[in-house]
């Protein structure tokens, strides 16, 4: 994949592909609401027409619309980015032999 990325134009490389956690929650909520509304409308219309196929067409249309609105990382889903911690540059010190209690000293502390 990295080989292909070398030949991609800059405007393709700069397309945002992330969505923050709040945006994911909002997208899921929108997806469920759109599917529910189209499902109810499709059921009612299909019942009136006595055609289950009409229900399915409306439900599929709702699914396609909800996918178009919620799957791409639109700017509305990227409003609250996470603030990541900075990387520690210093190496952690190795534990010394004096810091860990020996089993015999732990046994003595319990009073046995």
PDB file of N, CA and C in Angstrom:
ATOM      1  N   UNK A   1       0.816  -1.189   0.000  1.00  0.00           N
ATOM      2  CA  UNK A   1       0.000   0.000   0.000  1.00  0.00           C
ATOM      3  C   UNK A   1       0.864   1.258   0.000  1.00  0.00           C
ATOM      4  N   UNK A   2       1.984   1.200   0.705  1.00  0.00           N
ATOM      5  CA  UNK A   2       2.871   2.357   0.744  1.00  0.00           C
ATOM      6  C   UNK A   2       3.431   2.676  -0.636  1.00  0.00           C
ATOM      7  N   UNK A   3       3.613   1.662  -1.456  1.00  0.00           N
ATOM      8  CA  UNK A   3       4.105   1.866  -2.813  1.00  0.00           C
ATOM      9  C   UNK A   3       3.103   2.683  -3.630  1.00  0.00           C
ATOM     10  N   UNK A   4       1.825   2.403  -3.448  1.00  0.00           N
ATOM     11  CA  UNK A   4       0.781   3.118  -4.181  1.00  0.00           C
ATOM     12  C   UNK A   4       0.661   4.551  -3.676  1.00  0.00           C
ATOM     13  N   UNK A   5       0.838   4.754  -2.367  1.00  0.00           N
ATOM     14  CA  UNK A   5       0.711   6.098  -1.794  1.00  0.00           C
ATOM     15  C   UNK A   5       1.750   7.066  -2.350  1.00  0.00           C
ATOM     16  N   UNK A   6       2.882   6.574  -2.787  1.00  0.00           N
ATOM     17  CA  UNK A   6       3.916   7.449  -3.340  1.00  0.00           C
ATOM     18  C   UNK A   6       3.439   8.141  -4.605  1.00  0.00           C
ATOM     19  N   UNK A   7       2.577   7.463  -5.361  1.00  0.00           N
ATOM     20  CA  UNK A   7       2.120   8.009  -6.637  1.00  0.00           C
ATOM     21  C   UNK A   7       0.807   8.771  -6.535  1.00  0.00           C
ATOM     22  N   UNK A   8       0.177   8.773  -5.374  1.00  0.00           N
ATOM     23  CA  UNK A   8      -1.102   9.466  -5.210  1.00  0.00           C
ATOM     24  C   UNK A   8      -0.874  10.974  -5.169  1.00  0.00           C
ATOM     25  N   UNK A   9      -1.778  11.745  -5.764  1.00  0.00           N
ATOM     26  CA  UNK A   9      -1.649  13.205  -5.706  1.00  0.00           C
ATOM     27  C   UNK A   9      -1.818  13.705  -4.269  1.00  0.00           C
ATOM     28  N   UNK A  10      -1.316  14.910  -4.006  1.00  0.00           N
ATOM     29  CA  UNK A  10      -1.362  15.472  -2.654  1.00  0.00           C
ATOM     30  C   UNK A  10      -2.786  15.662  -2.152  1.00  0.00           C
ATOM     31  N   UNK A  11      -3.721  16.060  -3.023  1.00  0.00           N
ATOM     32  CA  UNK A  11      -5.083  16.288  -2.545  1.00  0.00           C
ATOM     33  C   UNK A  11      -5.738  14.984  -2.080  1.00  0.00           C
ATOM     34  N   UNK A  12      -5.309  13.859  -2.634  1.00  0.00           N
ATOM     35  CA  UNK A  12      -5.814  12.555  -2.169  1.00  0.00           C
ATOM     36  C   UNK A  12      -5.201  12.216  -0.810  1.00  0.00           C
ATOM     37  N   UNK A  13      -3.910  12.505  -0.641  1.00  0.00           N
ATOM     38  CA  UNK A  13      -3.241  12.203   0.624  1.00  0.00           C
ATOM     39  C   UNK A  13      -3.777  13.046   1.776  1.00  0.00           C
ATOM     40  N   UNK A  14      -4.288  14.234   1.476  1.00  0.00           N
ATOM     41  CA  UNK A  14      -4.748  15.154   2.511  1.00  0.00           C
ATOM     42  C   UNK A  14      -6.217  14.969   2.887  1.00  0.00           C
ATOM     43  N   UNK A  15      -6.904  14.005   2.322  1.00  0.00           N
ATOM     44  CA  UNK A  15      -8.299  13.761   2.673  1.00  0.00           C
ATOM     45  C   UNK A  15      -8.339  13.168   4.076  1.00  0.00           C
ATOM     46  N   UNK A  16      -9.091  13.790   4.997  1.00  0.00           N
ATOM     47  CA  UNK A  16      -9.139  13.247   6.362  1.00  0.00           C
ATOM     48  C   UNK A  16      -9.883  11.917   6.388  1.00  0.00           C
ATOM     49  N   UNK A  17      -9.337  10.984   7.132  1.00  0.00           N
ATOM     50  CA  UNK A  17      -9.946   9.654   7.196  1.00  0.00           C
ATOM     51  C   UNK A  17     -10.299   9.266   8.623  1.00  0.00           C
ATOM     52  N   UNK A  18     -10.296  10.217   9.544  1.00  0.00           N
ATOM     53  CA  UNK A  18     -10.569   9.899  10.944  1.00  0.00           C
ATOM     54  C   UNK A  18     -11.884  10.526  11.397  1.00  0.00           C
ATOM     55  N   UNK A  19     -12.421   9.981  12.469  1.00  0.00           N
ATOM     56  CA  UNK A  19     -13.624  10.510  13.091  1.00  0.00           C
ATOM     57  C   UNK A  19     -13.408  10.389  14.606  1.00  0.00           C
ATOM     58  N   UNK A  20     -13.665  11.464  15.344  1.00  0.00           N
ATOM     59  CA  UNK A  20     -13.441  11.388  16.784  1.00  0.00           C
ATOM     60  C   UNK A  20     -14.539  10.568  17.469  1.00  0.00           C
ATOM     61  N   UNK A  21     -14.340  10.280  18.750  1.00  0.00           N
ATOM     62  CA  UNK A  21     -15.273   9.408  19.464  1.00  0.00           C
ATOM     63  C   UNK A  21     -16.666  10.027  19.561  1.00  0.00           C
ATOM     64  N   UNK A  22     -16.724  11.326  19.803  1.00  0.00           N
ATOM     65  CA  UNK A  22     -18.019  11.998  19.856  1.00  0.00           C
ATOM     66  C   UNK A  22     -18.699  11.954  18.492  1.00  0.00           C
ATOM     67  N   UNK A  23     -17.920  12.103  17.435  1.00  0.00           N
ATOM     68  CA  UNK A  23     -18.470  12.007  16.079  1.00  0.00           C
ATOM     69  C   UNK A  23     -18.978  10.611  15.769  1.00  0.00           C
ATOM     70  N   UNK A  24     -18.280   9.590  16.256  1.00  0.00           N
ATOM     71  CA  UNK A  24     -18.740   8.219  16.060  1.00  0.00           C
ATOM     72  C   UNK A  24     -20.079   7.993  16.760  1.00  0.00           C
ATOM     73  N   UNK A  25     -20.210   8.540  17.954  1.00  0.00           N
ATOM     74  CA  UNK A  25     -21.463   8.410  18.697  1.00  0.00           C
ATOM     75  C   UNK A  25     -22.599   9.123  17.952  1.00  0.00           C
ATOM     76  N   UNK A  26     -22.313  10.330  17.461  1.00  0.00           N
ATOM     77  CA  UNK A  26     -23.319  11.103  16.726  1.00  0.00           C
ATOM     78  C   UNK A  26     -23.704  10.406  15.424  1.00  0.00           C
ATOM     79  N   UNK A  27     -22.726   9.841  14.720  1.00  0.00           N
ATOM     80  CA  UNK A  27     -22.998   9.139  13.469  1.00  0.00           C
ATOM     81  C   UNK A  27     -23.867   7.905  13.724  1.00  0.00           C
ATOM     82  N   UNK A  28     -23.574   7.167  14.787  1.00  0.00           N
ATOM     83  CA  UNK A  28     -24.371   5.985  15.119  1.00  0.00           C
ATOM     84  C   UNK A  28     -25.812   6.374  15.447  1.00  0.00           C
ATOM     85  N   UNK A  29     -25.976   7.457  16.177  1.00  0.00           N
ATOM     86  CA  UNK A  29     -27.326   7.921  16.534  1.00  0.00           C
ATOM     87  C   UNK A  29     -28.097   8.333  15.280  1.00  0.00           C
ATOM     88  N   UNK A  30     -27.448   9.091  14.391  1.00  0.00           N
ATOM     89  CA  UNK A  30     -28.104   9.511  13.148  1.00  0.00           C
ATOM     90  C   UNK A  30     -28.484   8.291  12.309  1.00  0.00           C
ATOM     91  N   UNK A  31     -27.566   7.331  12.230  1.00  0.00           N
ATOM     92  CA  UNK A  31     -27.806   6.116  11.449  1.00  0.00           C
ATOM     93  C   UNK A  31     -29.056   5.395  11.969  1.00  0.00           C
ATOM     94  N   UNK A  32     -29.146   5.236  13.284  1.00  0.00           N
ATOM     95  CA  UNK A  32     -30.286   4.535  13.861  1.00  0.00           C
ATOM     96  C   UNK A  32     -31.586   5.295  13.653  1.00  0.00           C
ATOM     97  N   UNK A  33     -31.542   6.618  13.800  1.00  0.00           N
ATOM     98  CA  UNK A  33     -32.759   7.421  13.611  1.00  0.00           C
ATOM     99  C   UNK A  33     -33.236   7.344  12.167  1.00  0.00           C
ATOM    100  N   UNK A  34     -32.312   7.473  11.216  1.00  0.00           N
ATOM    101  CA  UNK A  34     -32.701   7.430   9.795  1.00  0.00           C
ATOM    102  C   UNK A  34     -33.286   6.066   9.442  1.00  0.00           C
ATOM    103  N   UNK A  35     -32.646   4.989   9.896  1.00  0.00           N
ATOM    104  CA  UNK A  35     -33.158   3.647   9.607  1.00  0.00           C
ATOM    105  C   UNK A  35     -34.531   3.451  10.239  1.00  0.00           C
ATOM    106  N   UNK A  36     -34.705   3.924  11.472  1.00  0.00           N
ATOM    107  CA  UNK A  36     -35.994   3.780  12.153  1.00  0.00           C
ATOM    108  C   UNK A  36     -37.095   4.539  11.429  1.00  0.00           C
ATOM    109  N   UNK A  37     -36.824   5.780  11.046  1.00  0.00           N
ATOM    110  CA  UNK A  37     -37.830   6.589  10.349  1.00  0.00           C
ATOM    111  C   UNK A  37     -38.198   5.957   9.011  1.00  0.00           C
ATOM    112  N   UNK A  38     -37.200   5.572   8.229  1.00  0.00           N
ATOM    113  CA  UNK A  38     -37.491   4.956   6.934  1.00  0.00           C
ATOM    114  C   UNK A  38     -38.181   3.606   7.108  1.00  0.00           C
ATOM    115  N   UNK A  39     -37.822   2.873   8.155  1.00  0.00           N
ATOM    116  CA  UNK A  39     -38.486   1.603   8.406  1.00  0.00           C
ATOM    117  C   UNK A  39     -39.958   1.785   8.742  1.00  0.00           C
ATOM    118  N   UNK A  40     -40.260   2.772   9.591  1.00  0.00           N
ATOM    119  CA  UNK A  40     -41.658   3.031   9.939  1.00  0.00           C
ATOM    120  C   UNK A  40     -42.453   3.519   8.736  1.00  0.00           C
ATOM    121  N   UNK A  41     -41.884   4.466   7.998  1.00  0.00           N
ATOM    122  CA  UNK A  41     -42.567   4.973   6.801  1.00  0.00           C
ATOM    123  C   UNK A  41     -42.753   3.846   5.789  1.00  0.00           C
ATOM    124  N   UNK A  42     -41.734   3.034   5.599  1.00  0.00           N
ATOM    125  CA  UNK A  42     -41.836   1.913   4.667  1.00  0.00           C
ATOM    126  C   UNK A  42     -42.885   0.909   5.097  1.00  0.00           C
ATOM    127  N   UNK A  43     -42.943   0.614   6.409  1.00  0.00           N
ATOM    128  CA  UNK A  43     -43.952  -0.317   6.892  1.00  0.00           C
ATOM    129  C   UNK A  43     -45.363   0.224   6.671  1.00  0.00           C
ATOM    130  N   UNK A  44     -45.562   1.492   6.999  1.00  0.00           N
ATOM    131  CA  UNK A  44     -46.896   2.089   6.832  1.00  0.00           C
ATOM    132  C   UNK A  44     -47.279   2.124   5.355  1.00  0.00           C
ATOM    133  N   UNK A  45     -46.362   2.557   4.504  1.00  0.00           N
ATOM    134  CA  UNK A  45     -46.661   2.625   3.068  1.00  0.00           C
ATOM    135  C   UNK A  45     -46.891   1.226   2.487  1.00  0.00           C
ATOM    136  N   UNK A  46     -46.082   0.281   2.886  1.00  0.00           N
ATOM    137  CA  UNK A  46     -46.263  -1.094   2.426  1.00  0.00           C
ATOM    138  C   UNK A  46     -47.578  -1.687   2.901  1.00  0.00           C
ATOM    139  N   UNK A  47     -48.010  -1.334   4.114  1.00  0.00           N
ATOM    140  CA  UNK A  47     -49.294  -1.816   4.630  1.00  0.00           C
ATOM    141  C   UNK A  47     -50.452  -1.208   3.843  1.00  0.00           C
ATOM    142  N   UNK A  48     -50.324   0.090   3.544  1.00  0.00           N
ATOM    143  CA  UNK A  48     -51.384   0.749   2.764  1.00  0.00           C
ATOM    144  C   UNK A  48     -51.482   0.135   1.373  1.00  0.00           C
ATOM    145  N   UNK A  49     -50.326  -0.095   0.735  1.00  0.00           N
ATOM    146  CA  UNK A  49     -50.305  -0.655  -0.620  1.00  0.00           C
ATOM    147  C   UNK A  49     -50.472  -2.174  -0.631  1.00  0.00           C
ATOM    148  N   UNK A  50     -50.311  -2.809   0.520  1.00  0.00           N
ATOM    149  CA  UNK A  50     -50.318  -4.268   0.623  1.00  0.00           C
ATOM    150  C   UNK A  50     -49.216  -4.879  -0.252  1.00  0.00           C
ATOM    151  N   UNK A  51     -48.051  -4.218  -0.251  1.00  0.00           N
ATOM    152  CA  UNK A  51     -46.888  -4.669  -1.007  1.00  0.00           C
ATOM    153  C   UNK A  51     -45.654  -4.628  -0.103  1.00  0.00           C
ATOM    154  N   UNK A  52     -45.150  -5.806   0.249  1.00  0.00           N
ATOM    155  CA  UNK A  52     -43.955  -5.869   1.083  1.00  0.00           C
ATOM    156  C   UNK A  52     -42.744  -5.319   0.334  1.00  0.00           C
ATOM    157  N   UNK A  53     -42.761  -5.437  -0.981  1.00  0.00           N
ATOM    158  CA  UNK A  53     -41.638  -4.925  -1.770  1.00  0.00           C
ATOM    159  C   UNK A  53     -41.496  -3.412  -1.614  1.00  0.00           C
ATOM    160  N   UNK A  54     -42.595  -2.700  -1.472  1.00  0.00           N
ATOM    161  CA  UNK A  54     -42.538  -1.248  -1.265  1.00  0.00           C
ATOM    162  C   UNK A  54     -41.847  -0.936   0.073  1.00  0.00           C
ATOM    163  N   UNK A  55     -42.157  -1.736   1.089  1.00  0.00           N
ATOM    164  CA  UNK A  55     -41.497  -1.573   2.384  1.00  0.00           C
ATOM    165  C   UNK A  55     -39.993  -1.758   2.239  1.00  0.00           C
ATOM    166  N   UNK A  56     -39.597  -2.796   1.530  1.00  0.00           N
ATOM    167  CA  UNK A  56     -38.172  -3.075   1.367  1.00  0.00           C
ATOM    168  C   UNK A  56     -37.466  -1.995   0.547  1.00  0.00           C
ATOM    169  N   UNK A  57     -38.118  -1.485  -0.500  1.00  0.00           N
ATOM    170  CA  UNK A  57     -37.507  -0.419  -1.295  1.00  0.00           C
ATOM    171  C   UNK A  57     -37.259   0.827  -0.453  1.00  0.00           C
ATOM    172  N   UNK A  58     -38.231   1.183   0.360  1.00  0.00           N
ATOM    173  CA  UNK A  58     -38.081   2.371   1.205  1.00  0.00           C
ATOM    174  C   UNK A  58     -37.005   2.146   2.265  1.00  0.00           C
ATOM    175  N   UNK A  59     -36.971   0.959   2.838  1.00  0.00           N
ATOM    176  CA  UNK A  59     -35.959   0.653   3.839  1.00  0.00           C
ATOM    177  C   UNK A  59     -34.559   0.644   3.234  1.00  0.00           C
ATOM    178  N   UNK A  60     -34.420   0.104   2.048  1.00  0.00           N
ATOM    179  CA  UNK A  60     -33.117   0.102   1.362  1.00  0.00           C
ATOM    180  C   UNK A  60     -32.694   1.524   1.018  1.00  0.00           C
ATOM    181  N   UNK A  61     -33.643   2.362   0.592  1.00  0.00           N
ATOM    182  CA  UNK A  61     -33.323   3.767   0.299  1.00  0.00           C
ATOM    183  C   UNK A  61     -32.840   4.467   1.573  1.00  0.00           C
ATOM    184  N   UNK A  62     -33.487   4.188   2.701  1.00  0.00           N
ATOM    185  CA  UNK A  62     -33.055   4.770   3.967  1.00  0.00           C
ATOM    186  C   UNK A  62     -31.669   4.299   4.359  1.00  0.00           C
ATOM    187  N   UNK A  63     -31.378   3.036   4.104  1.00  0.00           N
ATOM    188  CA  UNK A  63     -30.053   2.499   4.409  1.00  0.00           C
ATOM    189  C   UNK A  63     -28.984   3.188   3.568  1.00  0.00           C
ATOM    190  N   UNK A  64     -29.246   3.362   2.279  1.00  0.00           N
ATOM    191  CA  UNK A  64     -28.273   4.010   1.395  1.00  0.00           C
ATOM    192  C   UNK A  64     -28.056   5.466   1.811  1.00  0.00           C
ATOM    193  N   UNK A  65     -29.139   6.163   2.115  1.00  0.00           N
ATOM    194  CA  UNK A  65     -29.019   7.567   2.540  1.00  0.00           C
ATOM    195  C   UNK A  65     -28.259   7.670   3.849  1.00  0.00           C
ATOM    196  N   UNK A  66     -28.574   6.784   4.804  1.00  0.00           N
ATOM    197  CA  UNK A  66     -27.887   6.843   6.092  1.00  0.00           C
ATOM    198  C   UNK A  66     -26.402   6.491   5.940  1.00  0.00           C
ATOM    199  N   UNK A  67     -26.076   5.565   5.053  1.00  0.00           N
ATOM    200  CA  UNK A  67     -24.663   5.248   4.809  1.00  0.00           C
ATOM    201  C   UNK A  67     -23.931   6.445   4.221  1.00  0.00           C
ATOM    202  N   UNK A  68     -24.562   7.133   3.290  1.00  0.00           N
ATOM    203  CA  UNK A  68     -23.941   8.308   2.683  1.00  0.00           C
ATOM    204  C   UNK A  68     -23.733   9.414   3.707  1.00  0.00           C
ATOM    205  N   UNK A  69     -24.668   9.556   4.649  1.00  0.00           N
ATOM    206  CA  UNK A  69     -24.576  10.638   5.621  1.00  0.00           C
ATOM    207  C   UNK A  69     -23.671  10.326   6.809  1.00  0.00           C
ATOM    208  N   UNK A  70     -23.499   9.047   7.144  1.00  0.00           N
ATOM    209  CA  UNK A  70     -22.782   8.734   8.378  1.00  0.00           C
ATOM    210  C   UNK A  70     -21.438   8.031   8.198  1.00  0.00           C
ATOM    211  N   UNK A  71     -21.199   7.377   7.094  1.00  0.00           N
ATOM    212  CA  UNK A  71     -19.936   6.658   6.934  1.00  0.00           C
ATOM    213  C   UNK A  71     -18.738   7.550   6.614  1.00  0.00           C
ATOM    214  N   UNK A  72     -18.837   8.514   5.701  1.00  0.00           N
ATOM    215  CA  UNK A  72     -17.669   9.366   5.455  1.00  0.00           C
ATOM    216  C   UNK A  72     -17.371  10.240   6.674  1.00  0.00           C
ATOM    217  N   UNK A  73     -16.120  10.566   6.911  1.00  0.00           N
ATOM    218  CA  UNK A  73     -15.773  11.410   8.064  1.00  0.00           C
ATOM    219  C   UNK A  73     -16.035  12.889   7.769  1.00  0.00           C
ATOM    220  N   UNK A  74     -17.292  13.270   7.690  1.00  0.00           N
ATOM    221  CA  UNK A  74     -17.654  14.661   7.424  1.00  0.00           C
ATOM    222  C   UNK A  74     -17.122  15.539   8.555  1.00  0.00           C
ATOM    223  N   UNK A  75     -16.914  16.841   8.299  1.00  0.00           N
ATOM    224  CA  UNK A  75     -16.389  17.739   9.349  1.00  0.00           C
ATOM    225  C   UNK A  75     -17.269  17.786  10.608  1.00  0.00           C
ATOM    226  N   UNK A  76     -18.556  17.534  10.479  1.00  0.00           N
ATOM    227  CA  UNK A  76     -19.432  17.544  11.655  1.00  0.00           C
ATOM    228  C   UNK A  76     -19.060  16.416  12.621  1.00  0.00           C
ATOM    229  N   UNK A  77     -18.389  15.385  12.145  1.00  0.00           N
ATOM    230  CA  UNK A  77     -17.979  14.270  12.988  1.00  0.00           C
ATOM    231  C   UNK A  77     -16.549  14.417  13.504  1.00  0.00           C
ATOM    232  N   UNK A  78     -15.914  15.545  13.199  1.00  0.00           N
ATOM    233  CA  UNK A  78     -14.522  15.759  13.631  1.00  0.00           C
ATOM    234  C   UNK A  78     -14.377  17.047  14.433  1.00  0.00           C
ATOM    235  N   UNK A  79     -15.371  17.394  15.222  1.00  0.00           N
ATOM    236  CA  UNK A  79     -15.359  18.652  15.962  1.00  0.00           C
ATOM    237  C   UNK A  79     -14.543  18.603  17.253  1.00  0.00           C
ATOM    238  N   UNK A  80     -14.461  17.434  17.874  1.00  0.00           N
ATOM    239  CA  UNK A  80     -13.805  17.325  19.181  1.00  0.00           C
ATOM    240  C   UNK A  80     -12.656  16.311  19.116  1.00  0.00           C
ATOM    241  N   UNK A  81     -11.531  16.694  18.514  1.00  0.00           N
ATOM    242  CA  UNK A  81     -10.421  15.733  18.441  1.00  0.00           C
ATOM    243  C   UNK A  81      -9.822  15.481  19.818  1.00  0.00           C
ATOM    244  N   UNK A  82      -9.239  14.315  19.976  1.00  0.00           N
ATOM    245  CA  UNK A  82      -8.592  13.969  21.232  1.00  0.00           C
ATOM    246  C   UNK A  82      -7.270  14.700  21.372  1.00  0.00           C
ATOM    247  N   UNK A  83      -6.956  15.086  22.585  1.00  0.00           N
ATOM    248  CA  UNK A  83      -5.655  15.688  22.869  1.00  0.00           C
ATOM    249  C   UNK A  83      -4.781  14.580  23.428  1.00  0.00           C
ATOM    250  N   UNK A  84      -3.842  14.120  22.625  1.00  0.00           N
ATOM    251  CA  UNK A  84      -2.989  13.010  23.020  1.00  0.00           C
ATOM    252  C   UNK A  84      -1.870  13.502  23.919  1.00  0.00           C
ATOM    253  N   UNK A  85      -1.408  12.646  24.798  1.00  0.00           N
ATOM    254  CA  UNK A  85      -0.259  12.970  25.641  1.00  0.00           C
ATOM    255  C   UNK A  85       1.010  12.938  24.805  1.00  0.00           C
ATOM    256  N   UNK A  86       1.970  13.745  25.206  1.00  0.00           N
ATOM    257  CA  UNK A  86       3.243  13.752  24.497  1.00  0.00           C
ATOM    258  C   UNK A  86       4.030  12.497  24.853  1.00  0.00           C
ATOM    259  N   UNK A  87       4.875  12.061  23.947  1.00  0.00           N
ATOM    260  CA  UNK A  87       5.684  10.869  24.155  1.00  0.00           C
ATOM    261  C   UNK A  87       6.797  11.190  25.134  1.00  0.00           C
ATOM    262  N   UNK A  88       7.005  10.279  26.088  1.00  0.00           N
ATOM    263  CA  UNK A  88       8.115  10.459  27.024  1.00  0.00           C
ATOM    264  C   UNK A  88       9.408  10.156  26.299  1.00  0.00           C
ATOM    265  N   UNK A  89      10.368  11.051  26.416  1.00  0.00           N
ATOM    266  CA  UNK A  89      11.640  10.878  25.733  1.00  0.00           C
ATOM    267  C   UNK A  89      12.655  10.116  26.579  1.00  0.00           C
ATOM    268  N   UNK A  90      12.548  10.230  27.891  1.00  0.00           N
ATOM    269  CA  UNK A  90      13.524   9.572  28.754  1.00  0.00           C
ATOM    270  C   UNK A  90      13.124   8.122  28.978  1.00  0.00           C
ATOM    271  N   UNK A  91      14.119   7.283  29.071  1.00  0.00           N
ATOM    272  CA  UNK A  91      13.868   5.862  29.301  1.00  0.00           C
ATOM    273  C   UNK A  91      13.536   5.648  30.774  1.00  0.00           C
ATOM    274  N   UNK A  92      12.684   4.689  31.044  1.00  0.00           N
ATOM    275  CA  UNK A  92      12.327   4.401  32.418  1.00  0.00           C
ATOM    276  C   UNK A  92      13.494   3.691  33.096  1.00  0.00           C
ATOM    277  N   UNK A  93      13.751   4.022  34.363  1.00  0.00           N
ATOM    278  CA  UNK A  93      14.874   3.375  35.050  1.00  0.00           C
ATOM    279  C   UNK A  93      14.564   1.901  35.304  1.00  0.00           C
ATOM    280  N   UNK A  94      15.619   1.100  35.233  1.00  0.00           N
ATOM    281  CA  UNK A  94      15.452  -0.327  35.484  1.00  0.00           C
ATOM    282  C   UNK A  94      15.265  -0.544  36.977  1.00  0.00           C
ATOM    283  N   UNK A  95      14.415  -1.469  37.362  1.00  0.00           N
ATOM    284  CA  UNK A  95      14.213  -1.688  38.801  1.00  0.00           C
ATOM    285  C   UNK A  95      15.474  -2.256  39.439  1.00  0.00           C
ATOM    286  N   UNK A  96      15.825  -1.690  40.571  1.00  0.00           N
ATOM    287  CA  UNK A  96      17.006  -2.181  41.285  1.00  0.00           C
ATOM    288  C   UNK A  96      16.609  -3.330  42.195  1.00  0.00           C
ATOM    289  N   UNK A  97      17.582  -4.065  42.645  1.00  0.00           N
ATOM    290  CA  UNK A  97      17.310  -5.237  43.480  1.00  0.00           C
ATOM    291  C   UNK A  97      16.798  -4.823  44.857  1.00  0.00           C
ATOM    292  N   UNK A  98      17.047  -3.570  45.301  1.00  0.00           N
ATOM    293  CA  UNK A  98      16.620  -3.125  46.618  1.00  0.00           C
ATOM    294  C   UNK A  98      15.153  -2.715  46.659  1.00  0.00           C
ATOM    295  N   UNK A  99      14.542  -2.409  45.515  1.00  0.00           N
ATOM    296  CA  UNK A  99      13.185  -1.887  45.517  1.00  0.00           C
ATOM    297  C   UNK A  99      12.133  -2.965  45.716  1.00  0.00           C
ATOM    298  N   UNK A 100      12.380  -4.171  45.279  1.00  0.00           N
ATOM    299  CA  UNK A 100      11.387  -5.238  45.414  1.00  0.00           C
ATOM    300  C   UNK A 100      11.626  -5.995  46.718  1.00  0.00           C
ATOM    301  N   UNK A 101      10.582  -6.177  47.533  1.00  0.00           N
ATOM    302  CA  UNK A 101      10.777  -6.913  48.780  1.00  0.00           C
ATOM    303  C   UNK A 101      10.994  -8.391  48.499  1.00  0.00           C
ATOM    304  N   UNK A 102      11.863  -8.971  49.265  1.00  0.00           N
ATOM    305  CA  UNK A 102      12.131 -10.394  49.096  1.00  0.00           C
ATOM    306  C   UNK A 102      10.999 -11.190  49.735  1.00  0.00           C
ATOM    307  N   UNK A 103      10.791 -12.422  49.288  1.00  0.00           N
ATOM    308  CA  UNK A 103       9.716 -13.232  49.876  1.00  0.00           C
ATOM    309  C   UNK A 103       9.899 -13.452  51.369  1.00  0.00           C
ATOM    310  N   UNK A 104      11.139 -13.543  51.819  1.00  0.00           N
ATOM    311  CA  UNK A 104      11.362 -13.790  53.248  1.00  0.00           C
ATOM    312  C   UNK A 104      10.976 -12.573  54.076  1.00  0.00           C
ATOM    313  N   UNK A 105      11.241 -11.339  53.564  1.00  0.00           N
ATOM    314  CA  UNK A 105      10.866 -10.150  54.322  1.00  0.00           C
ATOM    315  C   UNK A 105       9.353  -9.971  54.343  1.00  0.00           C
ATOM    316  N   UNK A 106       8.664 -10.350  53.252  1.00  0.00           N
ATOM    317  CA  UNK A 106       7.207 -10.279  53.234  1.00  0.00           C
ATOM    318  C   UNK A 106       6.632 -11.283  54.215  1.00  0.00           C
ATOM    319  N   UNK A 107       7.300 -12.452  54.360  1.00  0.00           N
ATOM    320  CA  UNK A 107       6.848 -13.475  55.289  1.00  0.00           C
ATOM    321  C   UNK A 107       7.017 -12.989  56.732  1.00  0.00           C
ATOM    322  N   UNK A 108       8.101 -12.265  56.983  1.00  0.00           N
ATOM    323  CA  UNK A 108       8.365 -11.758  58.330  1.00  0.00           C
ATOM    324  C   UNK A 108       7.364 -10.674  58.711  1.00  0.00           C
ATOM    325  N   UNK A 109       6.943  -9.849  57.733  1.00  0.00           N
ATOM    326  CA  UNK A 109       6.013  -8.772  58.037  1.00  0.00           C
ATOM    327  C   UNK A 109       4.626  -9.292  58.415  1.00  0.00           C
ATOM    328  N   UNK A 110       4.253 -10.429  57.888  1.00  0.00           N
ATOM    329  CA  UNK A 110       2.944 -10.983  58.228  1.00  0.00           C
ATOM    330  C   UNK A 110       2.912 -11.581  59.621  1.00  0.00           C
ATOM    331  N   UNK A 111       4.068 -11.722  60.238  1.00  0.00           N
ATOM    332  CA  UNK A 111       4.128 -12.228  61.594  1.00  0.00           C
ATOM    333  C   UNK A 111       4.192 -13.728  61.675  1.00  0.00           C
ATOM    334  N   UNK A 112       4.715 -14.405  60.680  1.00  0.00           N
ATOM    335  CA  UNK A 112       4.811 -15.872  60.704  1.00  0.00           C
ATOM    336  C   UNK A 112       6.188 -16.321  60.951  1.00  0.00           C
TER     337      UNK A 112
END
